[in-house]
Amino acid sequence: MGRFKHLAPATLTTAIMLASGFAVAAESSGDGQANNHKADSYKADNYKAKNYKARNYKADNYKADNYKAKQHQSIPAAIKAGSAKLSYRLRHEDVDIDNASEDQARALTLRTRLNYTTGRYQGFGATVEVDNVTEISGDDYPTSPALKNSGDFPGKAIIADPEGTELNQAYISYKYGTTEGKYGRQRINLDNQRFIGGVGFRQNEQTYDAVSIAHSCEELNTSVYYAHINNVNRIFGEDDPALSDTDSSTDILNINYSGLAAGDIIFYSYLLDQTLSNTQLETYGLRFAGKSYGLGYQAEYATQERELASGSEADADYVLLEGSIDMAGATFALGLENLQSDEGDFGFSTPLATGHKFQGWADQFLITPDEGIQDIYLSVGAKFDGIKLLAIYHDFKSDEDNVNGDDDLGSEVGFLALKDFGDYKVSVKYANYDAGDDSFNKSDTEKLWLTVSGAF
């Protein structure tokens, strides 16, 4: 089990409530709530391209799920009424990189997740969630860029699913009316997760040690979400030499107005102060997204300023335009995403995003190049005989030419097939990245994932 120095008060209180909770629940499982048989990691946000269907453009945790949750008369009664969930995800991943060392990697990993949530007593509740990731078979591969760069894994590609057992969530919550506050380690997924997300596709999820509050004003069709984050629990695990827990002092604000029939208008302010890199990022943006009469649309603009510890400053903008149409039993989408550059010295950055969802599944641009990046993408999604199918193509160019005058960052094609079998889900996912100009130091890359998940 990892170290949880950032969460001592919340973890201790939650552990006391939940330790007795499991004992009570074991004696009275018939009184528990029905299990949610949809594994968290198999939600559409993780396995569908961002344009496959009209999303719920509000954050996953933006509104309390049930503001009229039943209140219990005592702490033992609230614990007894709690619910436990067990889920698993078995995945084979295959990576081939056409570089000088011909890096490859194979891995079969199993993620097991146990979650327990109490009922509510005088508005208070608690949740604890533990994940275990086990490698069943595979090569001796690095699980992060830092381990790859150590030189201990020659000829091996990165598969970012480290083994280990970690406390994924542990928080106390308080709900009053349409307001809910949380303190502790928690999942935060805002909007389409382009700026703040959990990277749920990977076996080890990214979660946040934070204080958060969500409020919904139904009369004004407005929802407000605020959080202060003091630590980010990265997907690379707590034992990674460079990218484990990331201390920060980050304030995020997201305001959603849903009073228009055409879609939602969202204003956000994300102020990141990252201790690890001694970097401050201030991002302010406006987003509009919706769907009407079979037409989907997204438009978004953000501006960002970066300040280093040395006092050096840079700024860049972000633009997203996307349209989709439902036609002949399929959904066709065309989009442009541009993470701009400040004269080739700094590219617009989204360090807390669910990066796997954007700019191709081969994960070539999780860190924005200094020259910025422009992604023009086209996707086609359909459903045939209960199988959800998706094909997507990306064409990448830099926002600014590099020092060699080049701008071709390559292209990528991706394919996905997903089918439900009752409480189980099976998917096949493939990505093929074709590198562009040699001066960008990219390599042709293929990745394949075979995944089975279930919940109990």
Protein backbone atom coordinates (compact mmCIF):
# COMPACT_ATOMS: atom_id res chain seq x y z
CA MET A 1 0.00 0.00 0.00
CA GLY A 2 1.30 3.43 -0.87
CA ARG A 3 1.88 6.42 1.36
CA PHE A 4 -0.97 8.87 1.90
CA LYS A 5 0.67 11.80 3.67
CA HIS A 6 -1.69 14.30 2.05
CA LEU A 7 -4.84 12.68 3.39
CA ALA A 8 -4.22 11.72 6.98
CA PRO A 9 -7.35 13.31 8.55
CA ALA A 10 -9.77 12.19 5.84
CA THR A 11 -8.28 8.73 5.53
CA LEU A 12 -8.33 8.05 9.27
CA THR A 13 -11.94 9.16 9.70
CA THR A 14 -13.07 7.30 6.60
CA ALA A 15 -11.24 4.15 7.65
CA ILE A 16 -12.95 4.13 11.07
CA MET A 17 -16.39 4.45 9.50
CA LEU A 18 -15.76 1.93 6.75
CA ALA A 19 -13.96 -0.75 8.72
CA SER A 20 -17.08 -1.28 10.77
CA GLY A 21 -19.16 -0.72 7.66
CA PHE A 22 -17.84 -3.80 5.87
CA ALA A 23 -18.62 -5.93 8.92
CA VAL A 24 -22.17 -4.64 9.15
CA ALA A 25 -22.70 -4.89 5.40
CA ALA A 26 -21.52 -8.49 5.39
CA GLU A 27 -24.29 -9.39 7.84
CA SER A 28 -26.99 -7.52 5.97
CA SER A 29 -26.14 -7.62 2.28
CA GLY A 30 -29.81 -7.93 1.47
CA ASP A 31 -30.35 -4.36 2.70
CA GLY A 32 -27.64 -2.91 0.47
CA GLN A 33 -28.31 -0.95 -2.66
CA ALA A 34 -28.21 -2.72 -6.02
CA ASN A 35 -24.77 -2.96 -7.56
CA ASN A 36 -23.93 -0.76 -10.49
CA HIS A 37 -22.92 -3.32 -13.11
CA LYS A 38 -21.23 -0.79 -15.36
CA ALA A 39 -17.50 -0.73 -14.66
CA ASP A 40 -16.32 2.87 -14.24
CA SER A 41 -13.52 2.48 -16.71
CA TYR A 42 -15.80 1.29 -19.50
CA LYS A 43 -17.85 4.43 -19.70
CA ALA A 44 -18.19 6.06 -23.09
CA ASP A 45 -15.70 8.80 -22.20
CA ASN A 46 -12.91 6.21 -22.01
CA TYR A 47 -13.64 4.07 -25.06
CA LYS A 48 -15.31 6.35 -27.57
CA ALA A 49 -13.66 9.16 -29.45
CA LYS A 50 -14.70 12.53 -28.18
CA ASN A 51 -17.09 12.98 -31.10
CA TYR A 52 -18.82 9.58 -31.20
CA LYS A 53 -21.99 10.67 -29.41
CA ALA A 54 -23.26 13.83 -27.82
CA ARG A 55 -21.74 13.80 -24.36
CA ASN A 56 -23.06 14.85 -21.07
CA TYR A 57 -21.11 18.08 -21.13
CA LYS A 58 -21.39 18.55 -17.40
CA ALA A 59 -18.62 17.10 -15.26
CA ASP A 60 -19.20 13.54 -14.04
CA ASN A 61 -19.11 14.85 -10.50
CA TYR A 62 -20.52 18.27 -11.31
CA LYS A 63 -23.90 17.67 -9.72
CA ALA A 64 -24.81 15.47 -6.82
CA ASP A 65 -26.43 12.32 -8.18
CA ASN A 66 -29.39 12.48 -5.83
CA TYR A 67 -29.98 15.58 -3.77
CA LYS A 68 -32.80 13.88 -1.91
CA ALA A 69 -30.76 10.94 -0.72
CA LYS A 70 -32.27 9.09 2.21
CA GLN A 71 -31.01 10.27 5.60
CA HIS A 72 -30.42 7.66 8.29
CA GLN A 73 -31.10 8.08 11.98
CA SER A 74 -27.71 6.95 13.26
CA ILE A 75 -24.15 6.31 12.12
CA PRO A 76 -24.58 2.49 12.40
CA ALA A 77 -27.73 2.72 10.26
CA ALA A 78 -25.91 4.80 7.64
CA ILE A 79 -23.05 2.29 7.56
CA LYS A 80 -25.46 -0.63 7.37
CA ALA A 81 -27.21 1.00 4.39
CA GLY A 82 -23.93 1.41 2.51
CA SER A 83 -23.10 -0.37 -0.73
CA ALA A 84 -20.02 -2.29 -1.81
CA LYS A 85 -18.94 -2.78 -5.43
CA LEU A 86 -16.33 -5.05 -6.91
CA SER A 87 -15.13 -4.69 -10.50
CA TYR A 88 -12.29 -5.99 -12.61
CA ARG A 89 -10.63 -5.17 -15.92
CA LEU A 90 -8.39 -7.66 -17.73
CA ARG A 91 -6.30 -6.20 -20.54
CA HIS A 92 -3.70 -7.33 -23.04
CA GLU A 93 -1.62 -4.48 -24.51
CA ASP A 94 0.80 -4.81 -27.42
CA VAL A 95 3.15 -1.98 -28.45
CA ASP A 96 5.54 -1.84 -31.44
CA ILE A 97 7.68 1.22 -32.21
CA ASP A 98 9.69 1.52 -35.43
CA ASN A 99 12.64 3.40 -33.91
CA ALA A 100 16.37 2.68 -33.92
CA SER A 101 16.10 0.20 -31.05
CA GLU A 102 12.81 -1.28 -32.36
CA ASP A 103 11.11 -0.95 -28.97
CA GLN A 104 8.38 -3.47 -28.19
CA ALA A 105 6.33 -4.50 -25.17
CA ARG A 106 3.60 -6.97 -24.28
CA ALA A 107 1.57 -7.05 -21.08
CA LEU A 108 -1.44 -8.85 -19.65
CA THR A 109 -2.65 -6.97 -16.57
CA LEU A 110 -5.63 -7.25 -14.24
CA ARG A 111 -7.09 -4.34 -12.33
CA THR A 112 -9.34 -5.20 -9.39
CA ARG A 113 -11.33 -2.41 -7.73
CA LEU A 114 -13.23 -2.52 -4.43
CA ASN A 115 -15.49 0.41 -3.54
CA TYR A 116 -17.59 1.02 -0.44
CA THR A 117 -19.89 4.01 0.15
CA THR A 118 -21.89 4.58 3.33
CA GLY A 119 -25.41 5.88 3.54
CA ARG A 120 -25.91 9.42 4.86
CA TYR A 121 -26.23 10.56 8.45
CA GLN A 122 -27.18 14.22 8.95
CA GLY A 123 -25.86 14.91 5.47
CA PHE A 124 -22.50 13.20 6.00
CA GLY A 125 -21.21 10.18 4.09
CA ALA A 126 -17.91 8.52 3.24
CA THR A 127 -16.37 6.57 0.36
CA VAL A 128 -13.27 4.42 0.12
CA GLU A 129 -11.98 2.75 -3.04
CA VAL A 130 -8.93 0.51 -3.39
CA ASP A 131 -7.33 -0.59 -6.68
CA ASN A 132 -4.92 -3.44 -7.28
CA VAL A 133 -3.05 -3.83 -10.57
CA THR A 134 -1.34 -7.18 -11.17
CA GLU A 135 0.79 -8.20 -14.14
CA ILE A 136 -0.23 -11.72 -15.11
CA SER A 137 2.32 -12.02 -17.89
CA GLY A 138 4.44 -9.78 -20.06
CA ASP A 139 7.88 -8.45 -20.94
CA ASP A 140 10.17 -6.61 -18.57
CA TYR A 141 8.92 -3.18 -19.68
CA PRO A 142 9.13 0.37 -18.27
CA THR A 143 5.90 1.88 -16.95
CA SER A 144 6.87 5.57 -17.29
CA PRO A 145 9.13 7.89 -19.27
CA ALA A 146 11.48 8.20 -16.28
CA LEU A 147 12.03 4.44 -16.11
CA LYS A 148 12.49 4.27 -19.89
CA ASN A 149 15.12 7.01 -19.76
CA SER A 150 16.99 5.23 -16.96
CA GLY A 151 18.57 2.92 -19.52
CA ASP A 152 17.47 -0.22 -17.67
CA PHE A 153 14.97 -1.28 -20.35
CA PRO A 154 16.78 -1.43 -23.71
CA GLY A 155 14.52 -2.26 -26.63
CA LYS A 156 11.38 -2.04 -24.50
CA ALA A 157 8.41 0.29 -25.02
CA ILE A 158 6.44 1.98 -22.26
CA ILE A 159 3.21 0.40 -20.99
CA ALA A 160 1.94 2.82 -18.34
CA ASP A 161 0.24 0.31 -16.04
CA PRO A 162 2.47 -0.21 -12.98
CA GLU A 163 1.76 -3.03 -10.55
CA GLY A 164 0.67 -2.21 -7.03
CA THR A 165 -2.17 -1.59 -4.59
CA GLU A 166 -3.27 1.98 -3.99
CA LEU A 167 -5.99 3.92 -2.27
CA ASN A 168 -7.77 5.34 -5.30
CA GLN A 169 -10.43 7.31 -3.40
CA ALA A 170 -11.01 8.08 0.28
CA TYR A 171 -13.18 11.05 1.11
CA ILE A 172 -15.80 12.39 3.46
CA SER A 173 -18.73 14.19 1.88
CA TYR A 174 -21.48 16.46 3.13
CA LYS A 175 -24.65 17.11 1.17
CA TYR A 176 -27.24 19.78 1.88
CA GLY A 177 -29.95 20.46 -0.69
CA THR A 178 -28.27 20.95 -4.05
CA THR A 179 -24.82 21.48 -2.57
CA GLU A 180 -22.24 18.79 -1.93
CA GLY A 181 -18.75 19.12 -0.50
CA LYS A 182 -15.96 16.53 -0.45
CA TYR A 183 -12.69 16.34 1.44
CA GLY A 184 -10.05 13.76 0.62
CA ARG A 185 -8.83 11.72 -2.32
CA GLN A 186 -11.42 11.89 -5.07
CA ARG A 187 -12.15 11.49 -8.75
CA ILE A 188 -12.52 14.76 -10.72
CA ASN A 189 -13.66 14.69 -14.36
CA LEU A 190 -14.72 18.06 -15.76
CA ASP A 191 -16.54 18.54 -19.09
CA ASN A 192 -14.84 16.41 -21.77
CA GLN A 193 -11.74 15.97 -19.55
CA ARG A 194 -9.56 18.06 -21.88
CA PHE A 195 -8.22 20.03 -18.92
CA ILE A 196 -9.12 18.08 -15.75
CA GLY A 197 -9.63 14.32 -15.83
CA GLY A 198 -8.83 10.90 -14.41
CA VAL A 199 -7.16 9.11 -17.36
CA GLY A 200 -9.61 6.28 -16.72
CA PHE A 201 -8.35 4.27 -19.70
CA ARG A 202 -5.17 3.31 -17.84
CA GLN A 203 -5.31 0.62 -15.17
CA ASN A 204 -4.10 3.01 -12.43
CA GLU A 205 -6.46 6.00 -12.43
CA GLN A 206 -5.40 9.60 -11.78
CA THR A 207 -7.18 11.00 -8.70
CA TYR A 208 -6.83 14.15 -6.63
CA ASP A 209 -6.29 15.01 -2.97
CA ALA A 210 -8.63 17.96 -2.75
CA VAL A 211 -11.38 19.94 -1.11
CA SER A 212 -14.28 20.40 -3.52
CA ILE A 213 -17.77 21.85 -3.55
CA ALA A 214 -20.49 21.45 -6.18
CA HIS A 215 -23.65 23.56 -6.18
CA SER A 216 -26.62 23.51 -8.55
CA CYS A 217 -29.06 26.40 -8.81
CA GLU A 218 -31.97 24.95 -10.75
CA GLU A 219 -33.83 28.28 -10.89
CA LEU A 220 -30.91 29.81 -12.80
CA ASN A 221 -30.04 26.64 -14.75
CA THR A 222 -26.52 27.01 -13.41
CA SER A 223 -24.06 24.62 -11.78
CA VAL A 224 -20.85 25.69 -10.08
CA TYR A 225 -17.91 23.45 -9.22
CA TYR A 226 -14.83 24.54 -7.26
CA ALA A 227 -11.89 22.54 -5.95
CA HIS A 228 -8.54 23.21 -4.35
CA ILE A 229 -6.05 20.44 -5.16
CA ASN A 230 -2.90 19.92 -3.10
CA ASN A 231 -1.75 16.64 -4.64
CA VAL A 232 -2.22 14.74 -7.91
CA ASN A 233 -1.94 10.94 -7.77
CA ARG A 234 -0.55 10.16 -11.21
CA ILE A 235 -1.12 7.01 -13.28
CA PHE A 236 2.55 6.00 -12.96
CA GLY A 237 2.19 4.89 -9.34
CA GLU A 238 3.64 6.15 -6.09
CA ASP A 239 7.01 4.46 -6.57
CA ASP A 240 7.89 6.14 -9.87
CA PRO A 241 11.17 8.10 -9.55
CA ALA A 242 9.88 11.22 -11.31
CA LEU A 243 6.12 11.13 -11.94
CA SER A 244 4.50 9.73 -8.79
CA ASP A 245 2.49 12.04 -6.56
CA THR A 246 2.70 15.66 -7.68
CA ASP A 247 2.43 18.32 -4.97
CA SER A 248 0.53 21.36 -6.15
CA SER A 249 -1.59 24.31 -5.10
CA THR A 250 -4.25 24.29 -7.77
CA ASP A 251 -7.61 26.07 -7.86
CA ILE A 252 -10.22 25.03 -10.41
CA LEU A 253 -13.54 26.73 -11.09
CA ASN A 254 -16.13 25.50 -13.60
CA ILE A 255 -19.49 27.24 -14.15
CA ASN A 256 -22.08 25.59 -16.39
CA TYR A 257 -25.19 27.37 -17.72
CA SER A 258 -27.72 24.94 -19.20
CA GLY A 259 -30.64 27.29 -19.82
CA LEU A 260 -30.33 27.23 -23.63
CA ALA A 261 -32.10 24.56 -25.64
CA ALA A 262 -29.20 24.47 -28.10
CA GLY A 263 -26.60 23.45 -25.53
CA ASP A 264 -24.52 24.39 -22.49
CA ILE A 265 -22.24 27.37 -22.00
CA ILE A 266 -19.32 26.72 -19.68
CA PHE A 267 -16.81 29.16 -18.21
CA TYR A 268 -13.72 27.81 -16.50
CA SER A 269 -10.66 29.02 -14.65
CA TYR A 270 -7.85 26.56 -13.91
CA LEU A 271 -4.94 27.98 -11.89
CA LEU A 272 -2.16 25.40 -11.54
CA ASP A 273 0.88 25.82 -9.33
CA GLN A 274 2.99 22.67 -9.69
CA THR A 275 5.76 22.09 -7.18
CA LEU A 276 7.50 19.36 -9.21
CA SER A 277 8.19 21.55 -12.24
CA ASN A 278 8.13 24.94 -10.46
CA THR A 279 5.61 26.02 -13.06
CA GLN A 280 2.49 28.16 -12.81
CA LEU A 281 -0.20 27.82 -15.46
CA GLU A 282 -3.22 30.13 -15.54
CA THR A 283 -5.95 29.08 -17.96
CA TYR A 284 -9.27 30.83 -18.63
CA GLY A 285 -11.75 29.51 -21.16
CA LEU A 286 -15.27 29.44 -22.57
CA ARG A 287 -16.98 26.39 -24.05
CA PHE A 288 -20.26 25.82 -25.90
CA ALA A 289 -21.50 22.30 -26.67
CA GLY A 290 -24.78 20.66 -27.55
CA LYS A 291 -26.82 18.57 -29.96
CA SER A 292 -30.06 19.30 -31.78
CA TYR A 293 -31.98 17.49 -34.53
CA GLY A 294 -29.15 15.05 -35.13
CA LEU A 295 -26.50 17.77 -35.34
CA GLY A 296 -23.80 17.98 -32.69
CA TYR A 297 -21.47 20.91 -32.17
CA GLN A 298 -18.66 22.11 -29.95
CA ALA A 299 -16.82 25.41 -29.88
CA GLU A 300 -14.20 26.30 -27.29
CA TYR A 301 -11.57 28.96 -26.71
CA ALA A 302 -9.05 29.28 -23.89
CA THR A 303 -6.04 31.43 -23.17
CA GLN A 304 -3.11 30.36 -21.02
CA GLU A 305 -0.14 32.03 -19.36
CA ARG A 306 2.87 30.14 -18.06
CA GLU A 307 5.34 31.45 -15.51
CA LEU A 308 8.51 29.60 -14.54
CA ALA A 309 10.37 29.88 -11.25
CA SER A 310 12.96 32.00 -13.07
CA GLY A 311 10.27 34.57 -13.82
CA SER A 312 10.16 33.71 -17.52
CA GLU A 313 6.67 34.06 -19.00
CA ALA A 314 4.90 32.76 -22.10
CA ASP A 315 1.32 32.60 -23.33
CA ALA A 316 -0.67 30.59 -25.86
CA ASP A 317 -4.28 29.98 -26.89
CA TYR A 318 -6.51 26.94 -27.42
CA VAL A 319 -9.23 26.53 -30.06
CA LEU A 320 -11.67 23.66 -30.62
CA LEU A 321 -14.30 23.47 -33.36
CA GLU A 322 -16.28 20.31 -34.04
CA GLY A 323 -19.47 19.34 -35.85
CA SER A 324 -21.22 15.99 -36.16
CA ILE A 325 -24.29 14.61 -37.90
CA ASP A 326 -26.36 11.45 -37.42
CA MET A 327 -27.08 10.00 -40.84
CA ALA A 328 -27.91 6.57 -42.27
CA GLY A 329 -27.50 4.87 -38.91
CA ALA A 330 -24.04 6.32 -38.31
CA THR A 331 -22.48 9.40 -36.73
CA PHE A 332 -20.01 11.40 -38.80
CA ALA A 333 -17.85 14.05 -37.17
CA LEU A 334 -15.23 16.55 -38.30
CA GLY A 335 -13.14 18.63 -35.93
CA LEU A 336 -10.20 20.96 -35.49
CA GLU A 337 -8.24 21.21 -32.25
CA ASN A 338 -5.39 23.71 -32.07
CA LEU A 339 -3.03 23.99 -29.09
CA GLN A 340 -1.14 27.07 -30.17
CA SER A 341 2.47 28.11 -29.61
CA ASP A 342 4.20 31.21 -28.33
CA GLU A 343 6.64 31.71 -31.21
CA GLY A 344 7.92 28.14 -30.96
CA ASP A 345 9.05 28.48 -27.33
CA PHE A 346 5.98 27.14 -25.51
CA GLY A 347 2.97 25.08 -26.49
CA PHE A 348 -0.44 25.32 -24.78
CA SER A 349 -0.36 22.71 -22.01
CA THR A 350 -3.00 20.51 -20.31
CA PRO A 351 -1.02 18.52 -17.68
CA LEU A 352 -4.11 17.30 -15.76
CA ALA A 353 -6.11 16.16 -18.79
CA THR A 354 -7.21 12.68 -19.80
CA GLY A 355 -4.72 12.95 -22.64
CA HIS A 356 -5.44 9.51 -24.11
CA LYS A 357 -8.82 10.75 -25.38
CA PHE A 358 -7.25 13.43 -27.56
CA GLN A 359 -4.84 13.62 -30.52
CA GLY A 360 -4.82 9.90 -31.13
CA TRP A 361 -4.78 6.79 -28.98
CA ALA A 362 -1.10 6.10 -29.66
CA ASP A 363 -0.35 8.85 -27.08
CA GLN A 364 2.26 10.66 -29.16
CA PHE A 365 1.36 14.15 -27.93
CA LEU A 366 0.57 13.83 -24.23
CA ILE A 367 3.03 16.71 -23.83
CA THR A 368 2.41 19.54 -26.29
CA PRO A 369 5.44 20.32 -28.48
CA ASP A 370 6.92 23.79 -28.02
CA GLU A 371 5.80 24.48 -31.60
CA GLY A 372 2.19 23.70 -30.65
CA ILE A 373 -0.04 21.23 -32.47
CA GLN A 374 -2.99 21.36 -34.85
CA ASP A 375 -5.16 18.25 -35.12
CA ILE A 376 -7.75 17.90 -37.89
CA TYR A 377 -9.77 14.74 -37.29
CA LEU A 378 -12.60 12.81 -38.94
CA SER A 379 -14.55 9.98 -37.35
CA VAL A 380 -17.35 7.58 -38.24
CA GLY A 381 -19.24 5.65 -35.57
CA ALA A 382 -22.06 3.12 -35.86
CA LYS A 383 -23.66 0.18 -34.11
CA PHE A 384 -24.10 -3.17 -35.84
CA ASP A 385 -25.65 -6.26 -34.24
CA GLY A 386 -25.02 -4.86 -30.78
CA ILE A 387 -21.37 -4.03 -31.54
CA LYS A 388 -20.32 -0.40 -31.26
CA LEU A 389 -17.85 0.49 -33.99
CA LEU A 390 -15.68 3.56 -34.42
CA ALA A 391 -13.03 4.62 -36.90
CA ILE A 392 -11.09 7.87 -36.56
CA TYR A 393 -8.37 9.62 -38.58
CA HIS A 394 -6.05 12.41 -37.35
CA ASP A 395 -3.79 14.72 -39.35
CA PHE A 396 -1.22 16.53 -37.21
CA LYS A 397 0.74 19.69 -37.93
CA SER A 398 2.68 22.04 -35.70
CA ASP A 399 1.22 25.47 -35.01
CA GLU A 400 4.64 27.04 -35.68
CA ASP A 401 7.41 25.69 -37.91
CA ASN A 402 10.35 24.23 -36.00
CA VAL A 403 13.93 25.48 -36.36
CA ASN A 404 14.30 23.36 -39.53
CA GLY A 405 11.23 24.93 -41.11
CA ASP A 406 9.20 21.71 -40.77
CA ASP A 407 5.58 21.39 -39.63
CA ASP A 408 4.48 17.80 -40.40
CA LEU A 409 3.82 15.93 -37.14
CA GLY A 410 2.36 12.85 -38.85
CA SER A 411 -1.04 11.16 -38.88
CA GLU A 412 -2.92 8.39 -37.12
CA VAL A 413 -5.78 5.99 -37.69
CA GLY A 414 -7.71 4.30 -34.89
CA PHE A 415 -10.35 1.59 -34.72
CA LEU A 416 -12.58 0.45 -31.87
CA ALA A 417 -15.12 -2.38 -31.45
CA LEU A 418 -17.04 -2.70 -28.19
CA LYS A 419 -19.80 -5.13 -27.19
CA ASP A 420 -21.77 -5.73 -23.99
CA PHE A 421 -22.48 -9.25 -22.80
CA GLY A 422 -24.80 -8.65 -19.89
CA ASP A 423 -22.65 -7.47 -17.00
CA TYR A 424 -19.47 -7.93 -19.02
CA LYS A 425 -17.87 -5.82 -21.73
CA VAL A 426 -15.36 -6.83 -24.39
CA SER A 427 -13.43 -4.41 -26.58
CA VAL A 428 -10.74 -4.40 -29.25
CA LYS A 429 -8.89 -1.13 -29.83
CA TYR A 430 -6.11 -0.34 -32.32
CA ALA A 431 -4.00 2.73 -33.12
CA ASN A 432 -1.44 3.21 -35.90
CA TYR A 433 0.65 6.39 -35.85
CA ASP A 434 2.65 7.37 -38.95
CA ALA A 435 5.44 9.83 -38.11
CA GLY A 436 5.96 13.05 -40.07
CA ASP A 437 9.12 15.11 -40.55
CA ASP A 438 12.25 13.50 -39.07
CA SER A 439 13.21 16.72 -37.30
CA PHE A 440 10.41 16.18 -34.76
CA ASN A 441 12.01 12.88 -33.60
CA LYS A 442 8.82 10.83 -33.78
CA SER A 443 8.61 7.14 -34.76
CA ASP A 444 5.94 5.01 -36.40
CA THR A 445 3.96 3.33 -33.60
CA GLU A 446 1.32 0.60 -33.40
CA LYS A 447 -0.72 -0.25 -30.31
CA LEU A 448 -3.35 -2.92 -29.72
CA TRP A 449 -5.59 -3.45 -26.69
CA LEU A 450 -7.87 -6.43 -25.95
CA THR A 451 -9.99 -5.81 -22.87
CA VAL A 452 -12.61 -7.64 -20.82
CA SER A 453 -14.34 -6.05 -17.83
CA GLY A 454 -17.10 -6.86 -15.38
CA ALA A 455 -18.63 -5.71 -12.10
CA PHE A 456 -20.41 -7.37 -9.21
